[in-house]
Amino acid sequence: RSGTKVTKKVIKAARKLEIVARAGVGVDNIDIPAATEAGIL
């Protein structure tokens, strides 16, 4: 939701991660460029 920050460091550590789902409106707490680069939806 809004409490957890999905940072570039978190995304780099996420070897199996395929998707991050935000249970809410925005995605400002998720590093979109880092997720896109890692192929994470």
PDB file of all heavy atoms in Angstrom:
ATOM      1  N   ARG A   1       0.887  -1.164   0.000  1.00  0.00           N
ATOM      2  CA  ARG A   1       0.000   0.000   0.000  1.00  0.00           C
ATOM      3  C   ARG A   1       0.921   1.209   0.000  1.00  0.00           C
ATOM      4  O   ARG A   1       1.893   1.225  -0.738  1.00  0.00           O
ATOM      5  CB  ARG A   1      -0.941  -0.068   1.189  1.00  0.00           C
ATOM      6  CG  ARG A   1      -1.906  -1.251   1.023  1.00  0.00           C
ATOM      7  CD  ARG A   1      -2.986  -1.273   2.019  1.00  0.00           C
ATOM      8  NE  ARG A   1      -3.908  -0.166   1.741  1.00  0.00           N
ATOM      9  CZ  ARG A   1      -4.968   0.075   2.474  1.00  0.00           C
ATOM     10  NH1 ARG A   1      -5.252  -0.672   3.506  1.00  0.00           N
ATOM     11  NH2 ARG A   1      -5.759   1.079   2.193  1.00  0.00           N
ATOM     12  N   SER A   2       0.681   2.184   0.844  1.00  0.00           N
ATOM     13  CA  SER A   2       1.545   3.370   0.827  1.00  0.00           C
ATOM     14  C   SER A   2       2.683   3.298   1.833  1.00  0.00           C
ATOM     15  O   SER A   2       3.609   4.098   1.771  1.00  0.00           O
ATOM     16  CB  SER A   2       0.711   4.630   1.085  1.00  0.00           C
ATOM     17  OG  SER A   2       0.045   4.521   2.325  1.00  0.00           O
ATOM     18  N   GLY A   3       2.656   2.347   2.751  1.00  0.00           N
ATOM     19  CA  GLY A   3       3.665   2.282   3.799  1.00  0.00           C
ATOM     20  C   GLY A   3       5.010   1.762   3.362  1.00  0.00           C
ATOM     21  O   GLY A   3       6.044   2.198   3.866  1.00  0.00           O
ATOM     22  N   THR A   4       5.033   0.835   2.450  1.00  0.00           N
ATOM     23  CA  THR A   4       6.282   0.203   2.017  1.00  0.00           C
ATOM     24  C   THR A   4       6.851   0.931   0.806  1.00  0.00           C
ATOM     25  O   THR A   4       6.145   1.165  -0.172  1.00  0.00           O
ATOM     26  CB  THR A   4       6.046  -1.275   1.674  1.00  0.00           C
ATOM     27  OG1 THR A   4       5.582  -1.936   2.848  1.00  0.00           O
ATOM     28  CG2 THR A   4       7.306  -1.943   1.180  1.00  0.00           C
ATOM     29  N   LYS A   5       8.121   1.262   0.886  1.00  0.00           N
ATOM     30  CA  LYS A   5       8.816   1.905  -0.231  1.00  0.00           C
ATOM     31  C   LYS A   5       9.573   0.820  -1.002  1.00  0.00           C
ATOM     32  O   LYS A   5      10.442   0.153  -0.456  1.00  0.00           O
ATOM     33  CB  LYS A   5       9.805   2.958   0.259  1.00  0.00           C
ATOM     34  CG  LYS A   5       9.187   4.007   1.171  1.00  0.00           C
ATOM     35  CD  LYS A   5       8.136   4.822   0.483  1.00  0.00           C
ATOM     36  CE  LYS A   5       7.568   5.876   1.412  1.00  0.00           C
ATOM     37  NZ  LYS A   5       6.148   6.062   1.262  1.00  0.00           N
ATOM     38  N   VAL A   6       9.219   0.648  -2.258  1.00  0.00           N
ATOM     39  CA  VAL A   6       9.890  -0.338  -3.114  1.00  0.00           C
ATOM     40  C   VAL A   6      10.973   0.417  -3.876  1.00  0.00           C
ATOM     41  O   VAL A   6      10.751   0.944  -4.958  1.00  0.00           O
ATOM     42  CB  VAL A   6       8.888  -1.046  -4.059  1.00  0.00           C
ATOM     43  CG1 VAL A   6       9.589  -2.150  -4.833  1.00  0.00           C
ATOM     44  CG2 VAL A   6       7.715  -1.616  -3.260  1.00  0.00           C
ATOM     45  N   THR A   7      12.148   0.448  -3.270  1.00  0.00           N
ATOM     46  CA  THR A   7      13.270   1.232  -3.789  1.00  0.00           C
ATOM     47  C   THR A   7      14.083   0.433  -4.808  1.00  0.00           C
ATOM     48  O   THR A   7      13.888  -0.775  -4.979  1.00  0.00           O
ATOM     49  CB  THR A   7      14.191   1.643  -2.631  1.00  0.00           C
ATOM     50  OG1 THR A   7      14.751   0.453  -2.057  1.00  0.00           O
ATOM     51  CG2 THR A   7      13.444   2.438  -1.562  1.00  0.00           C
ATOM     52  N   LYS A   8      15.019   1.113  -5.411  1.00  0.00           N
ATOM     53  CA  LYS A   8      15.926   0.473  -6.363  1.00  0.00           C
ATOM     54  C   LYS A   8      16.698  -0.662  -5.693  1.00  0.00           C
ATOM     55  O   LYS A   8      16.888  -1.728  -6.279  1.00  0.00           O
ATOM     56  CB  LYS A   8      16.888   1.506  -6.948  1.00  0.00           C
ATOM     57  CG  LYS A   8      17.744   0.997  -8.069  1.00  0.00           C
ATOM     58  CD  LYS A   8      18.546   2.134  -8.690  1.00  0.00           C
ATOM     59  CE  LYS A   8      19.186   1.657  -9.979  1.00  0.00           C
ATOM     60  NZ  LYS A   8      19.740   2.777 -10.741  1.00  0.00           N
ATOM     61  N   LYS A   9      17.124  -0.461  -4.440  1.00  0.00           N
ATOM     62  CA  LYS A   9      17.846  -1.505  -3.706  1.00  0.00           C
ATOM     63  C   LYS A   9      16.970  -2.738  -3.496  1.00  0.00           C
ATOM     64  O   LYS A   9      17.444  -3.869  -3.621  1.00  0.00           O
ATOM     65  CB  LYS A   9      18.325  -0.979  -2.356  1.00  0.00           C
ATOM     66  CG  LYS A   9      19.429   0.036  -2.434  1.00  0.00           C
ATOM     67  CD  LYS A   9      19.813   0.510  -1.035  1.00  0.00           C
ATOM     68  CE  LYS A   9      20.859   1.593  -1.087  1.00  0.00           C
ATOM     69  NZ  LYS A   9      21.186   2.071   0.275  1.00  0.00           N
ATOM     70  N   VAL A  10      15.714  -2.521  -3.165  1.00  0.00           N
ATOM     71  CA  VAL A  10      14.777  -3.641  -2.973  1.00  0.00           C
ATOM     72  C   VAL A  10      14.599  -4.386  -4.294  1.00  0.00           C
ATOM     73  O   VAL A  10      14.651  -5.621  -4.339  1.00  0.00           O
ATOM     74  CB  VAL A  10      13.416  -3.142  -2.428  1.00  0.00           C
ATOM     75  CG1 VAL A  10      12.378  -4.256  -2.438  1.00  0.00           C
ATOM     76  CG2 VAL A  10      13.575  -2.567  -1.031  1.00  0.00           C
ATOM     77  N   ILE A  11      14.413  -3.656  -5.372  1.00  0.00           N
ATOM     78  CA  ILE A  11      14.202  -4.268  -6.684  1.00  0.00           C
ATOM     79  C   ILE A  11      15.434  -5.063  -7.126  1.00  0.00           C
ATOM     80  O   ILE A  11      15.309  -6.158  -7.663  1.00  0.00           O
ATOM     81  CB  ILE A  11      13.792  -3.192  -7.712  1.00  0.00           C
ATOM     82  CG1 ILE A  11      12.369  -2.711  -7.376  1.00  0.00           C
ATOM     83  CG2 ILE A  11      13.876  -3.728  -9.139  1.00  0.00           C
ATOM     84  CD1 ILE A  11      11.917  -1.480  -8.103  1.00  0.00           C
ATOM     85  N   LYS A  12      16.622  -4.535  -6.872  1.00  0.00           N
ATOM     86  CA  LYS A  12      17.840  -5.266  -7.235  1.00  0.00           C
ATOM     87  C   LYS A  12      17.960  -6.584  -6.473  1.00  0.00           C
ATOM     88  O   LYS A  12      18.499  -7.561  -6.986  1.00  0.00           O
ATOM     89  CB  LYS A  12      19.073  -4.401  -6.988  1.00  0.00           C
ATOM     90  CG  LYS A  12      19.289  -3.366  -8.061  1.00  0.00           C
ATOM     91  CD  LYS A  12      20.622  -2.679  -7.897  1.00  0.00           C
ATOM     92  CE  LYS A  12      20.819  -1.735  -9.076  1.00  0.00           C
ATOM     93  NZ  LYS A  12      22.180  -1.265  -9.169  1.00  0.00           N
ATOM     94  N   ALA A  13      17.456  -6.614  -5.246  1.00  0.00           N
ATOM     95  CA  ALA A  13      17.517  -7.834  -4.429  1.00  0.00           C
ATOM     96  C   ALA A  13      16.440  -8.849  -4.811  1.00  0.00           C
ATOM     97  O   ALA A  13      16.527 -10.021  -4.449  1.00  0.00           O
ATOM     98  CB  ALA A  13      17.379  -7.470  -2.954  1.00  0.00           C
ATOM     99  N   ALA A  14      15.457  -8.416  -5.562  1.00  0.00           N
ATOM    100  CA  ALA A  14      14.292  -9.238  -5.883  1.00  0.00           C
ATOM    101  C   ALA A  14      14.569 -10.113  -7.110  1.00  0.00           C
ATOM    102  O   ALA A  14      14.130  -9.815  -8.212  1.00  0.00           O
ATOM    103  CB  ALA A  14      13.088  -8.335  -6.130  1.00  0.00           C
ATOM    104  N   ARG A  15      15.256 -11.208  -6.894  1.00  0.00           N
ATOM    105  CA  ARG A  15      15.675 -12.062  -8.014  1.00  0.00           C
ATOM    106  C   ARG A  15      14.517 -12.747  -8.746  1.00  0.00           C
ATOM    107  O   ARG A  15      14.595 -12.976  -9.934  1.00  0.00           O
ATOM    108  CB  ARG A  15      16.645 -13.117  -7.504  1.00  0.00           C
ATOM    109  CG  ARG A  15      17.962 -12.522  -7.060  1.00  0.00           C
ATOM    110  CD  ARG A  15      18.931 -13.596  -6.606  1.00  0.00           C
ATOM    111  NE  ARG A  15      19.726 -13.106  -5.496  1.00  0.00           N
ATOM    112  CZ  ARG A  15      19.465 -13.324  -4.222  1.00  0.00           C
ATOM    113  NH1 ARG A  15      18.439 -14.044  -3.868  1.00  0.00           N
ATOM    114  NH2 ARG A  15      20.233 -12.815  -3.283  1.00  0.00           N
ATOM    115  N   LYS A  16      13.460 -13.096  -8.023  1.00  0.00           N
ATOM    116  CA  LYS A  16      12.336 -13.829  -8.624  1.00  0.00           C
ATOM    117  C   LYS A  16      11.122 -12.945  -8.887  1.00  0.00           C
ATOM    118  O   LYS A  16      10.156 -13.399  -9.487  1.00  0.00           O
ATOM    119  CB  LYS A  16      11.893 -14.955  -7.679  1.00  0.00           C
ATOM    120  CG  LYS A  16      12.932 -16.013  -7.426  1.00  0.00           C
ATOM    121  CD  LYS A  16      12.371 -17.048  -6.469  1.00  0.00           C
ATOM    122  CE  LYS A  16      13.402 -18.091  -6.113  1.00  0.00           C
ATOM    123  NZ  LYS A  16      12.866 -19.066  -5.146  1.00  0.00           N
ATOM    124  N   LEU A  17      11.152 -11.725  -8.429  1.00  0.00           N
ATOM    125  CA  LEU A  17       9.974 -10.863  -8.477  1.00  0.00           C
ATOM    126  C   LEU A  17       9.534 -10.581  -9.909  1.00  0.00           C
ATOM    127  O   LEU A  17      10.340 -10.193 -10.751  1.00  0.00           O
ATOM    128  CB  LEU A  17      10.266  -9.548  -7.746  1.00  0.00           C
ATOM    129  CG  LEU A  17       9.065  -8.723  -7.311  1.00  0.00           C
ATOM    130  CD1 LEU A  17       8.216  -9.473  -6.288  1.00  0.00           C
ATOM    131  CD2 LEU A  17       9.524  -7.395  -6.725  1.00  0.00           C
ATOM    132  N   GLU A  18       8.244 -10.791 -10.164  1.00  0.00           N
ATOM    133  CA  GLU A  18       7.672 -10.542 -11.484  1.00  0.00           C
ATOM    134  C   GLU A  18       6.694  -9.381 -11.491  1.00  0.00           C
ATOM    135  O   GLU A  18       6.469  -8.755 -12.521  1.00  0.00           O
ATOM    136  CB  GLU A  18       6.946 -11.801 -11.981  1.00  0.00           C
ATOM    137  CG  GLU A  18       7.856 -13.003 -12.145  1.00  0.00           C
ATOM    138  CD  GLU A  18       7.086 -14.266 -12.487  1.00  0.00           C
ATOM    139  OE1 GLU A  18       6.124 -14.187 -13.280  1.00  0.00           O
ATOM    140  OE2 GLU A  18       7.439 -15.329 -11.947  1.00  0.00           O
ATOM    141  N   ILE A  19       6.092  -9.108 -10.316  1.00  0.00           N
ATOM    142  CA  ILE A  19       5.065  -8.073 -10.252  1.00  0.00           C
ATOM    143  C   ILE A  19       5.028  -7.452  -8.861  1.00  0.00           C
ATOM    144  O   ILE A  19       5.207  -8.136  -7.858  1.00  0.00           O
ATOM    145  CB  ILE A  19       3.675  -8.634 -10.634  1.00  0.00           C
ATOM    146  CG1 ILE A  19       2.616  -7.526 -10.697  1.00  0.00           C
ATOM    147  CG2 ILE A  19       3.273  -9.765  -9.705  1.00  0.00           C
ATOM    148  CD1 ILE A  19       1.299  -7.958 -11.334  1.00  0.00           C
ATOM    149  N   VAL A  20       4.809  -6.121  -8.838  1.00  0.00           N
ATOM    150  CA  VAL A  20       4.534  -5.394  -7.603  1.00  0.00           C
ATOM    151  C   VAL A  20       3.149  -4.799  -7.780  1.00  0.00           C
ATOM    152  O   VAL A  20       2.903  -4.061  -8.733  1.00  0.00           O
ATOM    153  CB  VAL A  20       5.555  -4.276  -7.335  1.00  0.00           C
ATOM    154  CG1 VAL A  20       5.162  -3.485  -6.086  1.00  0.00           C
ATOM    155  CG2 VAL A  20       6.955  -4.834  -7.193  1.00  0.00           C
ATOM    156  N   ALA A  21       2.246  -5.134  -6.877  1.00  0.00           N
ATOM    157  CA  ALA A  21       0.877  -4.625  -6.946  1.00  0.00           C
ATOM    158  C   ALA A  21       0.650  -3.624  -5.825  1.00  0.00           C
ATOM    159  O   ALA A  21       0.879  -3.931  -4.658  1.00  0.00           O
ATOM    160  CB  ALA A  21      -0.115  -5.779  -6.835  1.00  0.00           C
ATOM    161  N   ARG A  22       0.229  -2.446  -6.196  1.00  0.00           N
ATOM    162  CA  ARG A  22      -0.091  -1.415  -5.209  1.00  0.00           C
ATOM    163  C   ARG A  22      -1.594  -1.469  -4.963  1.00  0.00           C
ATOM    164  O   ARG A  22      -2.384  -1.231  -5.869  1.00  0.00           O
ATOM    165  CB  ARG A  22       0.325  -0.047  -5.722  1.00  0.00           C
ATOM    166  CG  ARG A  22      -0.280   1.144  -4.992  1.00  0.00           C
ATOM    167  CD  ARG A  22       0.309   1.330  -3.602  1.00  0.00           C
ATOM    168  NE  ARG A  22      -0.485   2.245  -2.804  1.00  0.00           N
ATOM    169  CZ  ARG A  22      -0.303   3.555  -2.743  1.00  0.00           C
ATOM    170  NH1 ARG A  22       0.656   4.113  -3.439  1.00  0.00           N
ATOM    171  NH2 ARG A  22      -1.076   4.284  -1.986  1.00  0.00           N
ATOM    172  N   ALA A  23      -1.979  -1.804  -3.739  1.00  0.00           N
ATOM    173  CA  ALA A  23      -3.389  -1.823  -3.356  1.00  0.00           C
ATOM    174  C   ALA A  23      -3.792  -0.390  -3.033  1.00  0.00           C
ATOM    175  O   ALA A  23      -3.908   0.001  -1.884  1.00  0.00           O
ATOM    176  CB  ALA A  23      -3.608  -2.752  -2.167  1.00  0.00           C
ATOM    177  N   GLY A  24      -3.960   0.395  -4.080  1.00  0.00           N
ATOM    178  CA  GLY A  24      -4.287   1.800  -3.936  1.00  0.00           C
ATOM    179  C   GLY A  24      -4.130   2.520  -5.254  1.00  0.00           C
ATOM    180  O   GLY A  24      -3.872   1.896  -6.288  1.00  0.00           O
ATOM    181  N   VAL A  25      -4.268   3.826  -5.207  1.00  0.00           N
ATOM    182  CA  VAL A  25      -4.312   4.627  -6.421  1.00  0.00           C
ATOM    183  C   VAL A  25      -2.944   4.864  -7.046  1.00  0.00           C
ATOM    184  O   VAL A  25      -2.715   4.561  -8.190  1.00  0.00           O
ATOM    185  CB  VAL A  25      -5.002   5.983  -6.139  1.00  0.00           C
ATOM    186  CG1 VAL A  25      -4.976   6.875  -7.367  1.00  0.00           C
ATOM    187  CG2 VAL A  25      -6.433   5.756  -5.694  1.00  0.00           C
ATOM    188  N   GLY A  26      -2.016   5.417  -6.310  1.00  0.00           N
ATOM    189  CA  GLY A  26      -0.740   5.831  -6.886  1.00  0.00           C
ATOM    190  C   GLY A  26       0.308   4.741  -6.861  1.00  0.00           C
ATOM    191  O   GLY A  26       0.096   3.658  -6.334  1.00  0.00           O
ATOM    192  N   VAL A  27       1.435   5.060  -7.449  1.00  0.00           N
ATOM    193  CA  VAL A  27       2.597   4.172  -7.419  1.00  0.00           C
ATOM    194  C   VAL A  27       3.849   4.972  -7.070  1.00  0.00           C
ATOM    195  O   VAL A  27       4.956   4.597  -7.418  1.00  0.00           O
ATOM    196  CB  VAL A  27       2.781   3.405  -8.759  1.00  0.00           C
ATOM    197  CG1 VAL A  27       1.696   2.372  -8.951  1.00  0.00           C
ATOM    198  CG2 VAL A  27       2.834   4.363  -9.941  1.00  0.00           C
ATOM    199  N   ASP A  28       3.660   6.083  -6.363  1.00  0.00           N
ATOM    200  CA  ASP A  28       4.772   6.973  -6.027  1.00  0.00           C
ATOM    201  C   ASP A  28       5.753   6.356  -5.040  1.00  0.00           C
ATOM    202  O   ASP A  28       6.864   6.851  -4.886  1.00  0.00           O
ATOM    203  CB  ASP A  28       4.245   8.305  -5.489  1.00  0.00           C
ATOM    204  CG  ASP A  28       3.331   8.134  -4.288  1.00  0.00           C
ATOM    205  OD1 ASP A  28       2.461   7.250  -4.324  1.00  0.00           O
ATOM    206  OD2 ASP A  28       3.482   8.895  -3.314  1.00  0.00           O
ATOM    207  N   ASN A  29       5.388   5.278  -4.393  1.00  0.00           N
ATOM    208  CA  ASN A  29       6.290   4.604  -3.452  1.00  0.00           C
ATOM    209  C   ASN A  29       7.046   3.444  -4.104  1.00  0.00           C
ATOM    210  O   ASN A  29       7.701   2.674  -3.418  1.00  0.00           O
ATOM    211  CB  ASN A  29       5.514   4.111  -2.233  1.00  0.00           C
ATOM    212  CG  ASN A  29       4.378   3.184  -2.595  1.00  0.00           C
ATOM    213  OD1 ASN A  29       3.673   3.399  -3.574  1.00  0.00           O
ATOM    214  ND2 ASN A  29       4.181   2.151  -1.805  1.00  0.00           N
ATOM    215  N   ILE A  30       6.942   3.340  -5.412  1.00  0.00           N
ATOM    216  CA  ILE A  30       7.611   2.268  -6.155  1.00  0.00           C
ATOM    217  C   ILE A  30       8.536   2.910  -7.185  1.00  0.00           C
ATOM    218  O   ILE A  30       8.114   3.784  -7.951  1.00  0.00           O
ATOM    219  CB  ILE A  30       6.584   1.350  -6.857  1.00  0.00           C
ATOM    220  CG1 ILE A  30       5.623   0.764  -5.825  1.00  0.00           C
ATOM    221  CG2 ILE A  30       7.284   0.251  -7.644  1.00  0.00           C
ATOM    222  CD1 ILE A  30       4.391   0.110  -6.421  1.00  0.00           C
ATOM    223  N   ASP A  31       9.783   2.462  -7.234  1.00  0.00           N
ATOM    224  CA  ASP A  31      10.741   2.990  -8.206  1.00  0.00           C
ATOM    225  C   ASP A  31      10.425   2.356  -9.565  1.00  0.00           C
ATOM    226  O   ASP A  31      10.891   1.266  -9.890  1.00  0.00           O
ATOM    227  CB  ASP A  31      12.168   2.666  -7.762  1.00  0.00           C
ATOM    228  CG  ASP A  31      13.218   3.359  -8.620  1.00  0.00           C
ATOM    229  OD1 ASP A  31      12.981   3.553  -9.839  1.00  0.00           O
ATOM    230  OD2 ASP A  31      14.282   3.683  -8.081  1.00  0.00           O
ATOM    231  N   ILE A  32       9.613   3.047 -10.343  1.00  0.00           N
ATOM    232  CA  ILE A  32       9.141   2.530 -11.639  1.00  0.00           C
ATOM    233  C   ILE A  32      10.292   2.308 -12.614  1.00  0.00           C
ATOM    234  O   ILE A  32      10.359   1.251 -13.248  1.00  0.00           O
ATOM    235  CB  ILE A  32       8.075   3.469 -12.260  1.00  0.00           C
ATOM    236  CG1 ILE A  32       6.885   3.633 -11.318  1.00  0.00           C
ATOM    237  CG2 ILE A  32       7.633   2.972 -13.627  1.00  0.00           C
ATOM    238  CD1 ILE A  32       6.001   2.440 -11.182  1.00  0.00           C
ATOM    239  N   PRO A  33      11.222   3.262 -12.780  1.00  0.00           N
ATOM    240  CA  PRO A  33      12.322   3.013 -13.722  1.00  0.00           C
ATOM    241  C   PRO A  33      13.142   1.769 -13.358  1.00  0.00           C
ATOM    242  O   PRO A  33      13.508   0.978 -14.233  1.00  0.00           O
ATOM    243  CB  PRO A  33      13.160   4.289 -13.640  1.00  0.00           C
ATOM    244  CG  PRO A  33      12.203   5.351 -13.214  1.00  0.00           C
ATOM    245  CD  PRO A  33      11.252   4.645 -12.280  1.00  0.00           C
ATOM    246  N   ALA A  34      13.417   1.581 -12.064  1.00  0.00           N
ATOM    247  CA  ALA A  34      14.189   0.403 -11.642  1.00  0.00           C
ATOM    248  C   ALA A  34      13.400  -0.876 -11.897  1.00  0.00           C
ATOM    249  O   ALA A  34      13.964  -1.881 -12.348  1.00  0.00           O
ATOM    250  CB  ALA A  34      14.562   0.511 -10.165  1.00  0.00           C
ATOM    251  N   ALA A  35      12.101  -0.840 -11.627  1.00  0.00           N
ATOM    252  CA  ALA A  35      11.259  -2.020 -11.871  1.00  0.00           C
ATOM    253  C   ALA A  35      11.193  -2.332 -13.362  1.00  0.00           C
ATOM    254  O   ALA A  35      11.308  -3.491 -13.769  1.00  0.00           O
ATOM    255  CB  ALA A  35       9.860  -1.784 -11.309  1.00  0.00           C
ATOM    256  N   THR A  36      11.038  -1.319 -14.185  1.00  0.00           N
ATOM    257  CA  THR A  36      10.979  -1.508 -15.637  1.00  0.00           C
ATOM    258  C   THR A  36      12.279  -2.107 -16.152  1.00  0.00           C
ATOM    259  O   THR A  36      12.268  -3.054 -16.946  1.00  0.00           O
ATOM    260  CB  THR A  36      10.693  -0.162 -16.335  1.00  0.00           C
ATOM    261  OG1 THR A  36       9.452   0.354 -15.848  1.00  0.00           O
ATOM    262  CG2 THR A  36      10.628  -0.323 -17.845  1.00  0.00           C
ATOM    263  N   GLU A  37      13.392  -1.578 -15.680  1.00  0.00           N
ATOM    264  CA  GLU A  37      14.700  -2.083 -16.089  1.00  0.00           C
ATOM    265  C   GLU A  37      14.877  -3.556 -15.695  1.00  0.00           C
ATOM    266  O   GLU A  37      15.482  -4.341 -16.425  1.00  0.00           O
ATOM    267  CB  GLU A  37      15.797  -1.240 -15.431  1.00  0.00           C
ATOM    268  CG  GLU A  37      17.190  -1.588 -15.895  1.00  0.00           C
ATOM    269  CD  GLU A  37      18.229  -0.693 -15.247  1.00  0.00           C
ATOM    270  OE1 GLU A  37      18.029   0.537 -15.241  1.00  0.00           O
ATOM    271  OE2 GLU A  37      19.234  -1.229 -14.747  1.00  0.00           O
ATOM    272  N   ALA A  38      14.299  -3.928 -14.555  1.00  0.00           N
ATOM    273  CA  ALA A  38      14.416  -5.309 -14.079  1.00  0.00           C
ATOM    274  C   ALA A  38      13.348  -6.229 -14.674  1.00  0.00           C
ATOM    275  O   ALA A  38      13.333  -7.426 -14.385  1.00  0.00           O
ATOM    276  CB  ALA A  38      14.318  -5.334 -12.556  1.00  0.00           C
ATOM    277  N   GLY A  39      12.456  -5.680 -15.500  1.00  0.00           N
ATOM    278  CA  GLY A  39      11.399  -6.482 -16.110  1.00  0.00           C
ATOM    279  C   GLY A  39      10.267  -6.828 -15.150  1.00  0.00           C
ATOM    280  O   GLY A  39       9.549  -7.805 -15.348  1.00  0.00           O
ATOM    281  N   ILE A  40      10.097  -6.013 -14.118  1.00  0.00           N
ATOM    282  CA  ILE A  40       9.051  -6.244 -13.124  1.00  0.00           C
ATOM    283  C   ILE A  40       7.850  -5.371 -13.459  1.00  0.00           C
ATOM    284  O   ILE A  40       7.963  -4.147 -13.601  1.00  0.00           O
ATOM    285  CB  ILE A  40       9.573  -5.926 -11.705  1.00  0.00           C
ATOM    286  CG1 ILE A  40      10.731  -6.859 -11.353  1.00  0.00           C
ATOM    287  CG2 ILE A  40       8.453  -6.031 -10.680  1.00  0.00           C
ATOM    288  CD1 ILE A  40      11.475  -6.464 -10.083  1.00  0.00           C
ATOM    289  N   LEU A  41       6.696  -6.003 -13.566  1.00  0.00           N
ATOM    290  CA  LEU A  41       5.450  -5.303 -13.850  1.00  0.00           C
ATOM    291  C   LEU A  41       4.977  -4.593 -12.580  1.00  0.00           C
ATOM    292  O   LEU A  41       5.025  -5.168 -11.491  1.00  0.00           O
ATOM    293  CB  LEU A  41       4.395  -6.316 -14.308  1.00  0.00           C
ATOM    294  CG  LEU A  41       3.026  -5.795 -14.693  1.00  0.00           C
ATOM    295  CD1 LEU A  41       3.116  -4.885 -15.908  1.00  0.00           C
ATOM    296  CD2 LEU A  41       2.102  -6.962 -14.984  1.00  0.00           C
TER     297      LEU A  41
END
